PDB file of N, CA and C in Angstrom:
ATOM      1  N   MET A   1       0.839  -1.168   0.000  1.00  0.00           N
ATOM      2  CA  MET A   1       0.000   0.000   0.000  1.00  0.00           C
ATOM      3  C   MET A   1       0.885   1.232   0.000  1.00  0.00           C
ATOM      4  N   LYS A   2       0.455   2.238  -0.679  1.00  0.00           N
ATOM      5  CA  LYS A   2       1.239   3.465  -0.770  1.00  0.00           C
ATOM      6  C   LYS A   2       1.144   4.242   0.539  1.00  0.00           C
ATOM      7  N   ARG A   3       2.210   4.946   0.846  1.00  0.00           N
ATOM      8  CA  ARG A   3       2.271   5.740   2.059  1.00  0.00           C
ATOM      9  C   ARG A   3       1.208   6.830   2.036  1.00  0.00           C
ATOM     10  N   GLY A   4       0.503   7.001   3.147  1.00  0.00           N
ATOM     11  CA  GLY A   4      -0.457   8.080   3.284  1.00  0.00           C
ATOM     12  C   GLY A   4      -1.796   7.836   2.601  1.00  0.00           C
ATOM     13  N   SER A   5      -1.984   6.696   1.966  1.00  0.00           N
ATOM     14  CA  SER A   5      -3.257   6.456   1.293  1.00  0.00           C
ATOM     15  C   SER A   5      -4.198   5.708   2.225  1.00  0.00           C
ATOM     16  N   ARG A   6      -5.461   5.865   1.986  1.00  0.00           N
ATOM     17  CA  ARG A   6      -6.457   5.144   2.767  1.00  0.00           C
ATOM     18  C   ARG A   6      -6.679   3.790   2.144  1.00  0.00           C
ATOM     19  N   PHE A   7      -7.153   2.869   2.935  1.00  0.00           N
ATOM     20  CA  PHE A   7      -7.395   1.509   2.463  1.00  0.00           C
ATOM     21  C   PHE A   7      -8.867   1.366   2.118  1.00  0.00           C
ATOM     22  N   PHE A   8      -9.149   1.045   0.889  1.00  0.00           N
ATOM     23  CA  PHE A   8     -10.510   0.805   0.437  1.00  0.00           C
ATOM     24  C   PHE A   8     -10.573  -0.603  -0.126  1.00  0.00           C
ATOM     25  N   SER A   9     -11.758  -1.130  -0.245  1.00  0.00           N
ATOM     26  CA  SER A   9     -11.859  -2.481  -0.773  1.00  0.00           C
ATOM     27  C   SER A   9     -12.992  -2.588  -1.770  1.00  0.00           C
ATOM     28  N   VAL A  10     -12.831  -3.544  -2.641  1.00  0.00           N
ATOM     29  CA  VAL A  10     -13.898  -3.932  -3.544  1.00  0.00           C
ATOM     30  C   VAL A  10     -14.210  -5.370  -3.177  1.00  0.00           C
ATOM     31  N   LEU A  11     -15.413  -5.607  -2.751  1.00  0.00           N
ATOM     32  CA  LEU A  11     -15.810  -6.936  -2.329  1.00  0.00           C
ATOM     33  C   LEU A  11     -16.237  -7.713  -3.553  1.00  0.00           C
ATOM     34  N   VAL A  12     -15.612  -8.833  -3.774  1.00  0.00           N
ATOM     35  CA  VAL A  12     -15.949  -9.669  -4.911  1.00  0.00           C
ATOM     36  C   VAL A  12     -16.469 -10.991  -4.391  1.00  0.00           C
ATOM     37  N   LEU A  13     -17.688 -11.289  -4.751  1.00  0.00           N
ATOM     38  CA  LEU A  13     -18.263 -12.565  -4.363  1.00  0.00           C
ATOM     39  C   LEU A  13     -17.934 -13.579  -5.432  1.00  0.00           C
ATOM     40  N   ALA A  14     -17.322 -14.655  -5.042  1.00  0.00           N
ATOM     41  CA  ALA A  14     -16.846 -15.635  -6.016  1.00  0.00           C
ATOM     42  C   ALA A  14     -17.920 -16.674  -6.308  1.00  0.00           C
ATOM     43  N   PHE A  15     -18.837 -16.336  -7.151  1.00  0.00           N
ATOM     44  CA  PHE A  15     -19.825 -17.278  -7.647  1.00  0.00           C
ATOM     45  C   PHE A  15     -19.406 -17.642  -9.065  1.00  0.00           C
ATOM     46  N   PHE A  16     -18.814 -18.799  -9.247  1.00  0.00           N
ATOM     47  CA  PHE A  16     -18.331 -19.199 -10.554  1.00  0.00           C
ATOM     48  C   PHE A  16     -19.420 -19.981 -11.271  1.00  0.00           C
ATOM     49  N   THR A  17     -19.559 -19.719 -12.548  1.00  0.00           N
ATOM     50  CA  THR A  17     -20.546 -20.451 -13.333  1.00  0.00           C
ATOM     51  C   THR A  17     -19.947 -21.773 -13.776  1.00  0.00           C
ATOM     52  N   ALA A  18     -20.798 -22.718 -14.035  1.00  0.00           N
ATOM     53  CA  ALA A  18     -20.330 -24.034 -14.468  1.00  0.00           C
ATOM     54  C   ALA A  18     -19.721 -23.935 -15.856  1.00  0.00           C
ATOM     55  N   LEU A  19     -18.590 -24.608 -16.046  1.00  0.00           N
ATOM     56  CA  LEU A  19     -17.901 -24.589 -17.333  1.00  0.00           C
ATOM     57  C   LEU A  19     -18.045 -25.949 -18.002  1.00  0.00           C
ATOM     58  N   PRO A  20     -18.056 -25.981 -19.325  1.00  0.00           N
ATOM     59  CA  PRO A  20     -18.124 -27.261 -20.003  1.00  0.00           C
ATOM     60  C   PRO A  20     -16.878 -28.098 -19.710  1.00  0.00           C
ATOM     61  N   LEU A  21     -17.038 -29.404 -19.664  1.00  0.00           N
ATOM     62  CA  LEU A  21     -15.921 -30.289 -19.356  1.00  0.00           C
ATOM     63  C   LEU A  21     -14.845 -30.284 -20.432  1.00  0.00           C
ATOM     64  N   ARG A  22     -15.196 -29.966 -21.661  1.00  0.00           N
ATOM     65  CA  ARG A  22     -14.220 -30.015 -22.746  1.00  0.00           C
ATOM     66  C   ARG A  22     -13.227 -28.852 -22.706  1.00  0.00           C
ATOM     67  N   SER A  23     -13.480 -27.859 -21.874  1.00  0.00           N
ATOM     68  CA  SER A  23     -12.591 -26.708 -21.779  1.00  0.00           C
ATOM     69  C   SER A  23     -11.306 -27.095 -21.058  1.00  0.00           C
ATOM     70  N   ALA A  24     -10.154 -26.860 -21.694  1.00  0.00           N
ATOM     71  CA  ALA A  24      -8.862 -27.206 -21.103  1.00  0.00           C
ATOM     72  C   ALA A  24      -8.532 -26.295 -19.931  1.00  0.00           C
ATOM     73  N   LEU A  25      -8.737 -25.003 -20.097  1.00  0.00           N
ATOM     74  CA  LEU A  25      -8.468 -24.040 -19.036  1.00  0.00           C
ATOM     75  C   LEU A  25      -9.773 -23.395 -18.606  1.00  0.00           C
ATOM     76  N   PRO A  26      -9.967 -23.227 -17.310  1.00  0.00           N
ATOM     77  CA  PRO A  26     -11.150 -22.465 -16.898  1.00  0.00           C
ATOM     78  C   PRO A  26     -11.055 -21.054 -17.466  1.00  0.00           C
ATOM     79  N   VAL A  27     -12.195 -20.453 -17.766  1.00  0.00           N
ATOM     80  CA  VAL A  27     -12.214 -19.132 -18.385  1.00  0.00           C
ATOM     81  C   VAL A  27     -11.467 -18.122 -17.528  1.00  0.00           C
ATOM     82  N   GLU A  28     -11.587 -18.233 -16.198  1.00  0.00           N
ATOM     83  CA  GLU A  28     -10.918 -17.253 -15.348  1.00  0.00           C
ATOM     84  C   GLU A  28      -9.400 -17.372 -15.413  1.00  0.00           C
ATOM     85  N   ASP A  29      -8.880 -18.499 -15.921  1.00  0.00           N
ATOM     86  CA  ASP A  29      -7.440 -18.686 -16.064  1.00  0.00           C
ATOM     87  C   ASP A  29      -6.964 -18.534 -17.508  1.00  0.00           C
ATOM     88  N   GLU A  30      -7.868 -18.213 -18.416  1.00  0.00           N
ATOM     89  CA  GLU A  30      -7.536 -18.073 -19.832  1.00  0.00           C
ATOM     90  C   GLU A  30      -6.660 -16.838 -20.048  1.00  0.00           C
ATOM     91  N   VAL A  31      -5.538 -17.036 -20.708  1.00  0.00           N
ATOM     92  CA  VAL A  31      -4.651 -15.908 -21.017  1.00  0.00           C
ATOM     93  C   VAL A  31      -5.228 -15.158 -22.208  1.00  0.00           C
ATOM     94  N   ILE A  32      -5.396 -13.864 -22.039  1.00  0.00           N
ATOM     95  CA  ILE A  32      -5.966 -13.011 -23.081  1.00  0.00           C
ATOM     96  C   ILE A  32      -4.804 -12.305 -23.778  1.00  0.00           C
ATOM     97  N   PRO A  33      -4.702 -12.445 -25.097  1.00  0.00           N
ATOM     98  CA  PRO A  33      -3.571 -11.849 -25.823  1.00  0.00           C
ATOM     99  C   PRO A  33      -3.468 -10.332 -25.653  1.00  0.00           C
ATOM    100  N   LEU A  34      -4.595  -9.623 -25.655  1.00  0.00           N
ATOM    101  CA  LEU A  34      -4.560  -8.166 -25.541  1.00  0.00           C
ATOM    102  C   LEU A  34      -5.812  -7.673 -24.830  1.00  0.00           C
ATOM    103  N   ILE A  35      -5.606  -6.851 -23.809  1.00  0.00           N
ATOM    104  CA  ILE A  35      -6.703  -6.138 -23.148  1.00  0.00           C
ATOM    105  C   ILE A  35      -6.392  -4.665 -23.311  1.00  0.00           C
ATOM    106  N   GLU A  36      -7.310  -3.954 -23.936  1.00  0.00           N
ATOM    107  CA  GLU A  36      -7.096  -2.532 -24.184  1.00  0.00           C
ATOM    108  C   GLU A  36      -8.385  -1.773 -23.887  1.00  0.00           C
ATOM    109  N   MET A  37      -8.267  -0.756 -23.068  1.00  0.00           N
ATOM    110  CA  MET A  37      -9.397   0.106 -22.737  1.00  0.00           C
ATOM    111  C   MET A  37      -8.904   1.541 -22.819  1.00  0.00           C
ATOM    112  N   GLU A  38      -9.707   2.404 -23.419  1.00  0.00           N
ATOM    113  CA  GLU A  38      -9.322   3.811 -23.591  1.00  0.00           C
ATOM    114  C   GLU A  38     -10.403   4.708 -22.993  1.00  0.00           C
ATOM    115  N   ASN A  39     -10.040   5.471 -21.975  1.00  0.00           N
ATOM    116  CA  ASN A  39     -10.948   6.411 -21.310  1.00  0.00           C
ATOM    117  C   ASN A  39     -12.263   5.772 -20.877  1.00  0.00           C
ATOM    118  N   ILE A  40     -12.141   4.629 -20.217  1.00  0.00           N
ATOM    119  CA  ILE A  40     -13.296   3.899 -19.702  1.00  0.00           C
ATOM    120  C   ILE A  40     -13.474   4.274 -18.231  1.00  0.00           C
ATOM    121  N   PRO A  41     -14.701   4.506 -17.770  1.00  0.00           N
ATOM    122  CA  PRO A  41     -14.889   4.743 -16.336  1.00  0.00           C
ATOM    123  C   PRO A  41     -14.327   3.563 -15.525  1.00  0.00           C
ATOM    124  N   LEU A  42     -13.644   3.876 -14.443  1.00  0.00           N
ATOM    125  CA  LEU A  42     -13.006   2.856 -13.614  1.00  0.00           C
ATOM    126  C   LEU A  42     -13.984   1.767 -13.194  1.00  0.00           C
ATOM    127  N   VAL A  43     -15.161   2.161 -12.766  1.00  0.00           N
ATOM    128  CA  VAL A  43     -16.157   1.187 -12.313  1.00  0.00           C
ATOM    129  C   VAL A  43     -16.542   0.242 -13.455  1.00  0.00           C
ATOM    130  N   ASP A  44     -16.686   0.773 -14.668  1.00  0.00           N
ATOM    131  CA  ASP A  44     -17.016  -0.074 -15.821  1.00  0.00           C
ATOM    132  C   ASP A  44     -15.868  -1.018 -16.159  1.00  0.00           C
ATOM    133  N   ALA A  45     -14.630  -0.541 -16.074  1.00  0.00           N
ATOM    134  CA  ALA A  45     -13.470  -1.394 -16.338  1.00  0.00           C
ATOM    135  C   ALA A  45     -13.416  -2.532 -15.334  1.00  0.00           C
ATOM    136  N   ILE A  46     -13.678  -2.235 -14.059  1.00  0.00           N
ATOM    137  CA  ILE A  46     -13.699  -3.271 -13.019  1.00  0.00           C
ATOM    138  C   ILE A  46     -14.774  -4.297 -13.337  1.00  0.00           C
ATOM    139  N   ARG A  47     -15.955  -3.831 -13.693  1.00  0.00           N
ATOM    140  CA  ARG A  47     -17.068  -4.753 -13.990  1.00  0.00           C
ATOM    141  C   ARG A  47     -16.774  -5.616 -15.214  1.00  0.00           C
ATOM    142  N   GLN A  48     -16.190  -5.027 -16.266  1.00  0.00           N
ATOM    143  CA  GLN A  48     -15.880  -5.793 -17.477  1.00  0.00           C
ATOM    144  C   GLN A  48     -14.848  -6.880 -17.201  1.00  0.00           C
ATOM    145  N   LEU A  49     -13.796  -6.531 -16.471  1.00  0.00           N
ATOM    146  CA  LEU A  49     -12.759  -7.521 -16.163  1.00  0.00           C
ATOM    147  C   LEU A  49     -13.300  -8.606 -15.237  1.00  0.00           C
ATOM    148  N   ALA A  50     -14.132  -8.227 -14.278  1.00  0.00           N
ATOM    149  CA  ALA A  50     -14.733  -9.212 -13.375  1.00  0.00           C
ATOM    150  C   ALA A  50     -15.646 -10.159 -14.147  1.00  0.00           C
ATOM    151  N   ARG A  51     -16.409  -9.626 -15.086  1.00  0.00           N
ATOM    152  CA  ARG A  51     -17.295 -10.462 -15.901  1.00  0.00           C
ATOM    153  C   ARG A  51     -16.482 -11.468 -16.709  1.00  0.00           C
ATOM    154  N   LYS A  52     -15.376 -11.000 -17.302  1.00  0.00           N
ATOM    155  CA  LYS A  52     -14.526 -11.890 -18.094  1.00  0.00           C
ATOM    156  C   LYS A  52     -13.885 -12.963 -17.211  1.00  0.00           C
ATOM    157  N   ALA A  53     -13.605 -12.620 -15.950  1.00  0.00           N
ATOM    158  CA  ALA A  53     -13.025 -13.580 -15.006  1.00  0.00           C
ATOM    159  C   ALA A  53     -14.100 -14.446 -14.354  1.00  0.00           C
ATOM    160  N   ARG A  54     -15.338 -14.235 -14.742  1.00  0.00           N
ATOM    161  CA  ARG A  54     -16.485 -14.961 -14.197  1.00  0.00           C
ATOM    162  C   ARG A  54     -16.629 -14.762 -12.692  1.00  0.00           C
ATOM    163  N   LEU A  55     -16.525 -13.520 -12.283  1.00  0.00           N
ATOM    164  CA  LEU A  55     -16.723 -13.140 -10.889  1.00  0.00           C
ATOM    165  C   LEU A  55     -17.908 -12.202 -10.801  1.00  0.00           C
ATOM    166  N   ASN A  56     -18.806 -12.453  -9.880  1.00  0.00           N
ATOM    167  CA  ASN A  56     -19.889 -11.515  -9.600  1.00  0.00           C
ATOM    168  C   ASN A  56     -19.358 -10.559  -8.545  1.00  0.00           C
ATOM    169  N   ILE A  57     -19.418  -9.275  -8.814  1.00  0.00           N
ATOM    170  CA  ILE A  57     -18.824  -8.332  -7.880  1.00  0.00           C
ATOM    171  C   ILE A  57     -19.862  -7.465  -7.203  1.00  0.00           C
ATOM    172  N   VAL A  58     -19.504  -7.033  -6.028  1.00  0.00           N
ATOM    173  CA  VAL A  58     -20.251  -6.036  -5.279  1.00  0.00           C
ATOM    174  C   VAL A  58     -19.218  -5.011  -4.856  1.00  0.00           C
ATOM    175  N   ILE A  59     -19.392  -3.778  -5.282  1.00  0.00           N
ATOM    176  CA  ILE A  59     -18.444  -2.729  -4.904  1.00  0.00           C
ATOM    177  C   ILE A  59     -18.849  -2.192  -3.542  1.00  0.00           C
ATOM    178  N   ASP A  60     -17.900  -2.204  -2.642  1.00  0.00           N
ATOM    179  CA  ASP A  60     -18.128  -1.756  -1.269  1.00  0.00           C
ATOM    180  C   ASP A  60     -18.658  -0.325  -1.285  1.00  0.00           C
ATOM    181  N   PRO A  61     -19.787  -0.071  -0.603  1.00  0.00           N
ATOM    182  CA  PRO A  61     -20.348   1.290  -0.594  1.00  0.00           C
ATOM    183  C   PRO A  61     -19.427   2.313   0.068  1.00  0.00           C
ATOM    184  N   LYS A  62     -18.410   1.862   0.796  1.00  0.00           N
ATOM    185  CA  LYS A  62     -17.476   2.789   1.431  1.00  0.00           C
ATOM    186  C   LYS A  62     -16.436   3.331   0.447  1.00  0.00           C
ATOM    187  N   VAL A  63     -16.409   2.789  -0.772  1.00  0.00           N
ATOM    188  CA  VAL A  63     -15.478   3.301  -1.776  1.00  0.00           C
ATOM    189  C   VAL A  63     -15.921   4.708  -2.148  1.00  0.00           C
ATOM    190  N   PRO A  64     -15.009   5.679  -2.081  1.00  0.00           N
ATOM    191  CA  PRO A  64     -15.388   7.071  -2.328  1.00  0.00           C
ATOM    192  C   PRO A  64     -15.944   7.316  -3.728  1.00  0.00           C
ATOM    193  N   VAL A  65     -16.785   8.309  -3.823  1.00  0.00           N
ATOM    194  CA  VAL A  65     -17.415   8.700  -5.088  1.00  0.00           C
ATOM    195  C   VAL A  65     -16.368   9.094  -6.124  1.00  0.00           C
ATOM    196  N   VAL A  66     -15.210   9.568  -5.698  1.00  0.00           N
ATOM    197  CA  VAL A  66     -14.166   9.983  -6.632  1.00  0.00           C
ATOM    198  C   VAL A  66     -13.799   8.850  -7.591  1.00  0.00           C
ATOM    199  N   PHE A  67     -13.900   7.604  -7.144  1.00  0.00           N
ATOM    200  CA  PHE A  67     -13.589   6.475  -8.014  1.00  0.00           C
ATOM    201  C   PHE A  67     -14.648   6.286  -9.092  1.00  0.00           C
ATOM    202  N   GLU A  68     -15.870   6.716  -8.824  1.00  0.00           N
ATOM    203  CA  GLU A  68     -16.927   6.591  -9.823  1.00  0.00           C
ATOM    204  C   GLU A  68     -16.688   7.529 -11.005  1.00  0.00           C
ATOM    205  N   ARG A  69     -15.962   8.624 -10.784  1.00  0.00           N
ATOM    206  CA  ARG A  69     -15.687   9.581 -11.854  1.00  0.00           C
ATOM    207  C   ARG A  69     -14.357   9.330 -12.546  1.00  0.00           C
ATOM    208  N   ALA A  70     -13.525   8.476 -11.972  1.00  0.00           N
ATOM    209  CA  ALA A  70     -12.202   8.204 -12.550  1.00  0.00           C
ATOM    210  C   ALA A  70     -12.344   7.419 -13.852  1.00  0.00           C
ATOM    211  N   THR A  71     -11.472   7.713 -14.811  1.00  0.00           N
ATOM    212  CA  THR A  71     -11.435   6.945 -16.054  1.00  0.00           C
ATOM    213  C   THR A  71     -10.058   6.305 -16.185  1.00  0.00           C
ATOM    214  N   VAL A  72     -10.014   5.203 -16.918  1.00  0.00           N
ATOM    215  CA  VAL A  72      -8.753   4.489 -17.091  1.00  0.00           C
ATOM    216  C   VAL A  72      -8.470   4.247 -18.563  1.00  0.00           C
ATOM    217  N   SER A  73      -7.199   4.215 -18.874  1.00  0.00           N
ATOM    218  CA  SER A  73      -6.717   3.806 -20.189  1.00  0.00           C
ATOM    219  C   SER A  73      -5.628   2.777 -19.912  1.00  0.00           C
ATOM    220  N   ILE A  74      -5.863   1.555 -20.361  1.00  0.00           N
ATOM    221  CA  ILE A  74      -4.923   0.475 -20.071  1.00  0.00           C
ATOM    222  C   ILE A  74      -4.635  -0.338 -21.321  1.00  0.00           C
ATOM    223  N   ARG A  75      -3.519  -1.010 -21.298  1.00  0.00           N
ATOM    224  CA  ARG A  75      -3.147  -1.922 -22.380  1.00  0.00           C
ATOM    225  C   ARG A  75      -2.253  -3.000 -21.768  1.00  0.00           C
ATOM    226  N   TRP A  76      -2.745  -4.227 -21.757  1.00  0.00           N
ATOM    227  CA  TRP A  76      -1.992  -5.357 -21.230  1.00  0.00           C
ATOM    228  C   TRP A  76      -1.905  -6.452 -22.279  1.00  0.00           C
ATOM    229  N   HIS A  77      -0.803  -7.168 -22.260  1.00  0.00           N
ATOM    230  CA  HIS A  77      -0.590  -8.297 -23.162  1.00  0.00           C
ATOM    231  C   HIS A  77      -0.435  -9.572 -22.348  1.00  0.00           C
ATOM    232  N   ASP A  78      -1.063 -10.630 -22.816  1.00  0.00           N
ATOM    233  CA  ASP A  78      -0.883 -11.974 -22.273  1.00  0.00           C
ATOM    234  C   ASP A  78      -1.083 -12.064 -20.763  1.00  0.00           C
ATOM    235  N   VAL A  79      -2.247 -11.635 -20.298  1.00  0.00           N
ATOM    236  CA  VAL A  79      -2.618 -11.762 -18.893  1.00  0.00           C
ATOM    237  C   VAL A  79      -4.011 -12.379 -18.812  1.00  0.00           C
ATOM    238  N   THR A  80      -4.341 -12.916 -17.655  1.00  0.00           N
ATOM    239  CA  THR A  80      -5.704 -13.388 -17.444  1.00  0.00           C
ATOM    240  C   THR A  80      -6.555 -12.205 -17.014  1.00  0.00           C
ATOM    241  N   ALA A  81      -7.855 -12.362 -17.110  1.00  0.00           N
ATOM    242  CA  ALA A  81      -8.759 -11.285 -16.696  1.00  0.00           C
ATOM    243  C   ALA A  81      -8.601 -11.009 -15.207  1.00  0.00           C
ATOM    244  N   LYS A  82      -8.391 -12.045 -14.422  1.00  0.00           N
ATOM    245  CA  LYS A  82      -8.229 -11.856 -12.980  1.00  0.00           C
ATOM    246  C   LYS A  82      -6.919 -11.127 -12.663  1.00  0.00           C
ATOM    247  N   GLU A  83      -5.850 -11.434 -13.392  1.00  0.00           N
ATOM    248  CA  GLU A  83      -4.580 -10.719 -13.204  1.00  0.00           C
ATOM    249  C   GLU A  83      -4.741  -9.241 -13.559  1.00  0.00           C
ATOM    250  N   ALA A  84      -5.442  -8.978 -14.651  1.00  0.00           N
ATOM    251  CA  ALA A  84      -5.670  -7.591 -15.068  1.00  0.00           C
ATOM    252  C   ALA A  84      -6.526  -6.860 -14.040  1.00  0.00           C
ATOM    253  N   LEU A  85      -7.563  -7.520 -13.553  1.00  0.00           N
ATOM    254  CA  LEU A  85      -8.427  -6.922 -12.542  1.00  0.00           C
ATOM    255  C   LEU A  85      -7.633  -6.603 -11.279  1.00  0.00           C
ATOM    256  N   THR A  86      -6.830  -7.540 -10.831  1.00  0.00           N
ATOM    257  CA  THR A  86      -6.012  -7.331  -9.631  1.00  0.00           C
ATOM    258  C   THR A  86      -5.041  -6.173  -9.824  1.00  0.00           C
ATOM    259  N   ALA A  87      -4.411  -6.093 -10.990  1.00  0.00           N
ATOM    260  CA  ALA A  87      -3.470  -5.002 -11.273  1.00  0.00           C
ATOM    261  C   ALA A  87      -4.194  -3.655 -11.309  1.00  0.00           C
ATOM    262  N   LEU A  88      -5.360  -3.612 -11.929  1.00  0.00           N
ATOM    263  CA  LEU A  88      -6.135  -2.374 -11.996  1.00  0.00           C
ATOM    264  C   LEU A  88      -6.530  -1.911 -10.592  1.00  0.00           C
ATOM    265  N   LEU A  89      -7.036  -2.821  -9.780  1.00  0.00           N
ATOM    266  CA  LEU A  89      -7.430  -2.484  -8.416  1.00  0.00           C
ATOM    267  C   LEU A  89      -6.238  -1.996  -7.609  1.00  0.00           C
ATOM    268  N   ASP A  90      -5.116  -2.678  -7.759  1.00  0.00           N
ATOM    269  CA  ASP A  90      -3.901  -2.315  -7.032  1.00  0.00           C
ATOM    270  C   ASP A  90      -3.451  -0.897  -7.391  1.00  0.00           C
ATOM    271  N   ASN A  91      -3.604  -0.527  -8.645  1.00  0.00           N
ATOM    272  CA  ASN A  91      -3.217   0.807  -9.098  1.00  0.00           C
ATOM    273  C   ASN A  91      -3.998   1.910  -8.385  1.00  0.00           C
ATOM    274  N   TYR A  92      -5.210   1.600  -7.953  1.00  0.00           N
ATOM    275  CA  TYR A  92      -6.061   2.572  -7.265  1.00  0.00           C
ATOM    276  C   TYR A  92      -6.169   2.282  -5.770  1.00  0.00           C
ATOM    277  N   ASP A  93      -5.256   1.484  -5.238  1.00  0.00           N
ATOM    278  CA  ASP A  93      -5.262   1.098  -3.825  1.00  0.00           C
ATOM    279  C   ASP A  93      -6.579   0.450  -3.408  1.00  0.00           C
ATOM    280  N   LEU A  94      -7.160  -0.320  -4.302  1.00  0.00           N
ATOM    281  CA  LEU A  94      -8.346  -1.115  -4.019  1.00  0.00           C
ATOM    282  C   LEU A  94      -7.907  -2.572  -3.953  1.00  0.00           C
ATOM    283  N   VAL A  95      -8.686  -3.404  -3.299  1.00  0.00           N
ATOM    284  CA  VAL A  95      -8.333  -4.812  -3.184  1.00  0.00           C
ATOM    285  C   VAL A  95      -9.501  -5.696  -3.590  1.00  0.00           C
ATOM    286  N   LEU A  96      -9.154  -6.882  -3.995  1.00  0.00           N
ATOM    287  CA  LEU A  96     -10.119  -7.900  -4.360  1.00  0.00           C
ATOM    288  C   LEU A  96     -10.287  -8.815  -3.155  1.00  0.00           C
ATOM    289  N   VAL A  97     -11.493  -8.895  -2.630  1.00  0.00           N
ATOM    290  CA  VAL A  97     -11.778  -9.758  -1.482  1.00  0.00           C
ATOM    291  C   VAL A  97     -12.750 -10.818  -1.970  1.00  0.00           C
ATOM    292  N   GLU A  98     -12.299 -12.059  -1.971  1.00  0.00           N
ATOM    293  CA  GLU A  98     -13.160 -13.139  -2.447  1.00  0.00           C
ATOM    294  C   GLU A  98     -13.826 -13.828  -1.274  1.00  0.00           C
ATOM    295  N   THR A  99     -15.082 -14.197  -1.470  1.00  0.00           N
ATOM    296  CA  THR A  99     -15.821 -14.929  -0.461  1.00  0.00           C
ATOM    297  C   THR A  99     -16.141 -16.305  -1.019  1.00  0.00           C
ATOM    298  N   PRO A 100     -16.291 -17.303  -0.155  1.00  0.00           N
ATOM    299  CA  PRO A 100     -16.601 -18.648  -0.648  1.00  0.00           C
ATOM    300  C   PRO A 100     -17.970 -18.679  -1.324  1.00  0.00           C
ATOM    301  N   ARG A 101     -18.096 -19.614  -2.231  1.00  0.00           N
ATOM    302  CA  ARG A 101     -19.360 -19.773  -2.939  1.00  0.00           C
ATOM    303  C   ARG A 101     -20.448 -20.181  -1.962  1.00  0.00           C
ATOM    304  N   ARG A 102     -21.591 -19.570  -2.122  1.00  0.00           N
ATOM    305  CA  ARG A 102     -22.718 -19.886  -1.257  1.00  0.00           C
ATOM    306  C   ARG A 102     -23.890 -20.348  -2.112  1.00  0.00           C
ATOM    307  N   THR A 103     -24.637 -21.262  -1.571  1.00  0.00           N
ATOM    308  CA  THR A 103     -25.829 -21.705  -2.280  1.00  0.00           C
ATOM    309  C   THR A 103     -27.012 -20.913  -1.747  1.00  0.00           C
ATOM    310  N   MET A 104     -27.942 -20.656  -2.621  1.00  0.00           N
ATOM    311  CA  MET A 104     -29.106 -19.895  -2.229  1.00  0.00           C
ATOM    312  C   MET A 104     -30.327 -20.814  -2.192  1.00  0.00           C
ATOM    313  N   ALA A 105     -31.115 -20.705  -1.161  1.00  0.00           N
ATOM    314  CA  ALA A 105     -32.343 -21.483  -1.044  1.00  0.00           C
ATOM    315  C   ALA A 105     -33.531 -20.544  -1.142  1.00  0.00           C
ATOM    316  N   ARG A 106     -34.581 -21.029  -1.749  1.00  0.00           N
ATOM    317  CA  ARG A 106     -35.803 -20.208  -1.861  1.00  0.00           C
ATOM    318  C   ARG A 106     -36.913 -20.830  -1.062  1.00  0.00           C
TER     319      ARG A 106
END
C-alpha cells in the first residue's frame, strides 16, 4: 500500500458459473492476448474484467465517489482477466476480497 493512502476495498463474491468439461483451461485462467481500454470509467473497467473472469462483484459502498468519476486507459498483453483486474485495483489502492461460494435457497 502506498504511504499516506487510505485503504478501500472492492468486495468480490466468487460465484463461478459451471464450465463445459471439454474446456482445457477455466475461463478465469484463460490468457488473453490483448486487453485494451481507452478512457473507460473505472467502475465499468472493473465490472468488465470481473465479468470476463467470471466473478460476480459487489463494490463496497465505502469506496469514495471519486472512483466513480475516474477513467482508465490500459493496455496489457498476455494476462488473465483476474490478473488484469487485480493489477487495476492495485493501481487505485483497491483490493479484491473473495468470499466462498454460497448456495441460495428459496
